[in-house]
Amino acid sequence: MTQDWSNKIILIAEDEPANYLFLEKIIKTTQALIIRAENGSEAIEHATKNPSIDLVLMDIFMPDVDGFAAAKKIKSIRPDLPIVAQTFYQQEMDAEKYEEAGFNAVIRKPININKLLAVLERFLKSEV
């Protein structure tokens, strides 16, 4: 089953080009519009100035402002905007830190495509 998110906008905050291209390729299959931020400052700017963004897919370790700080700032301005963390370094003891920053979910790298799409679907499913 293929998701149709043609009416959705996803902000991908990812500084590594290969990781971004991987995510872009997966999400493009859903027809969602993709906006890229290459660091935390850009993610904050896009998410707070563009109320049409439906979800943020946030890398944790980025230059400038890390994903935790960026998520906190975005949530202080747009508390209902879903933010999904993506990281190599997610451990059980960190769960509280992710929740405190305002993340709605965490995806571990290497990313499982089906799991990623299932998590995003949870937040992007159309209201009937």
Foldseek 3Di string as FASTA:
>chain_A
DAAALLQAEEEEADQDPVVVVVVCVLVVSNNHHYHYHNFLVSLLVCLQVPVRHQEYEAEADGPPDGRLQSLQSSCVRVVPRAYEYEEQDDDPVCVVSCVVSRHPYYAYPVGDSVVVVVVVCVRRPDDD
